[in-house]
Amino acid sequence: MPVPRDSGRRTGNLHRPKRYSRRLRRVFYLSAQTSIIREGPNRDFYLKKRGEGLKHVQAIIALARRRVDVMWALLRDNRVFTFAPPVAQAA
């Protein structure tokens, strides 16, 4: 859950909390572990990490972290999950 880091008149400045819930970490670990059973992008990422020389647990942790990063981006940007990556907008 994003934590506010506002200062003065600046609002909406959110960041990841430095302290994490053990239960929530376990949820993401178990979800990553079960997601590699079926074919798809999660399994592909896991197999890529295994190909890079990571052990099983290390690859699962990397996948769990990736899933956390996706969840964080969805919360931060107030978006709905889609399999297609977002299109970069030219400034």
Protein backbone atom coordinates (compact mmCIF):
# COMPACT_ATOMS: atom_id res chain seq x y z
CA MET A 1 0.00 0.00 0.00
CA PRO A 2 1.51 3.35 -0.97
CA VAL A 3 2.66 5.61 1.86
CA PRO A 4 2.43 9.42 1.51
CA ARG A 5 5.64 11.44 1.53
CA ASP A 6 4.13 14.92 1.22
CA SER A 7 5.96 18.13 2.02
CA GLY A 8 4.49 21.60 2.23
CA ARG A 9 2.07 22.18 -0.61
CA ARG A 10 3.12 19.06 -2.52
CA THR A 11 0.55 16.31 -2.21
CA GLY A 12 0.12 12.89 -3.78
CA ASN A 13 3.83 12.10 -3.46
CA LEU A 14 3.66 8.36 -2.72
CA HIS A 15 6.42 5.82 -2.19
CA ARG A 16 6.80 2.17 -1.25
CA PRO A 17 6.90 1.52 2.47
CA LYS A 18 10.24 0.37 3.91
CA ARG A 19 8.52 -2.10 6.25
CA TYR A 20 6.63 -5.02 4.83
CA SER A 21 4.05 -7.45 6.10
CA ARG A 22 5.33 -11.02 6.39
CA ARG A 23 1.88 -12.30 5.50
CA LEU A 24 1.75 -10.19 2.35
CA ARG A 25 5.26 -11.31 1.33
CA ARG A 26 4.15 -14.92 1.77
CA VAL A 27 1.04 -14.31 -0.35
CA PHE A 28 3.16 -13.00 -3.21
CA TYR A 29 5.67 -15.84 -2.86
CA LEU A 30 2.94 -18.49 -2.95
CA SER A 31 1.15 -16.77 -5.83
CA ALA A 32 4.42 -16.72 -7.79
CA GLN A 33 4.99 -20.38 -6.99
CA THR A 34 1.56 -21.42 -8.22
CA SER A 35 1.71 -19.17 -11.30
CA ILE A 36 4.62 -21.14 -12.81
CA ILE A 37 2.49 -24.28 -13.10
CA ARG A 38 0.68 -23.08 -16.24
CA GLU A 39 2.10 -21.72 -19.46
CA GLY A 40 2.22 -17.95 -19.73
CA PRO A 41 4.34 -14.88 -19.05
CA ASN A 42 4.98 -15.82 -15.40
CA ARG A 43 6.35 -19.23 -16.33
CA ASP A 44 8.40 -17.69 -19.15
CA PHE A 45 9.95 -15.20 -16.70
CA TYR A 46 10.69 -18.01 -14.23
CA LEU A 47 12.35 -20.15 -16.92
CA LYS A 48 14.36 -17.14 -18.12
CA LYS A 49 15.67 -16.59 -14.59
CA ARG A 50 16.48 -20.30 -14.28
CA GLY A 51 18.35 -20.03 -17.59
CA GLU A 52 20.36 -17.15 -16.13
CA GLY A 53 21.61 -19.53 -13.44
CA LEU A 54 19.31 -18.69 -10.54
CA LYS A 55 18.19 -21.50 -8.27
CA HIS A 56 14.50 -22.35 -7.93
CA VAL A 57 13.87 -20.28 -4.79
CA GLN A 58 15.81 -17.31 -6.17
CA ALA A 59 13.80 -17.41 -9.41
CA ILE A 60 10.52 -17.61 -7.46
CA ILE A 61 11.54 -14.60 -5.34
CA ALA A 62 12.44 -12.67 -8.52
CA LEU A 63 9.02 -13.50 -9.98
CA ALA A 64 7.27 -12.51 -6.74
CA ARG A 65 9.15 -9.20 -6.77
CA ARG A 66 8.10 -8.63 -10.37
CA ARG A 67 4.48 -9.27 -9.44
CA VAL A 68 4.81 -6.77 -6.56
CA ASP A 69 6.23 -4.20 -8.99
CA VAL A 70 3.28 -4.69 -11.34
CA MET A 71 0.82 -4.38 -8.46
CA TRP A 72 2.60 -1.23 -7.28
CA ALA A 73 2.41 0.34 -10.76
CA LEU A 74 -1.30 -0.46 -11.00
CA LEU A 75 -1.98 1.16 -7.62
CA ARG A 76 0.26 4.15 -8.35
CA ASP A 77 -1.25 4.87 -11.76
CA ASN A 78 -4.81 3.89 -10.78
CA ARG A 79 -4.99 1.45 -13.71
CA VAL A 80 -6.65 -1.88 -14.41
CA PHE A 81 -4.44 -4.87 -15.26
CA THR A 82 -4.15 -5.93 -18.92
CA PHE A 83 -1.75 -8.39 -20.52
CA ALA A 84 -0.66 -5.79 -23.07
CA PRO A 85 2.06 -3.46 -21.77
CA PRO A 86 1.20 0.24 -21.59
CA VAL A 87 2.06 2.41 -24.57
CA ALA A 88 4.78 4.97 -23.88
CA GLN A 89 3.50 8.51 -24.30
CA ALA A 90 5.71 11.08 -26.01
CA ALA A 91 6.15 14.23 -23.94
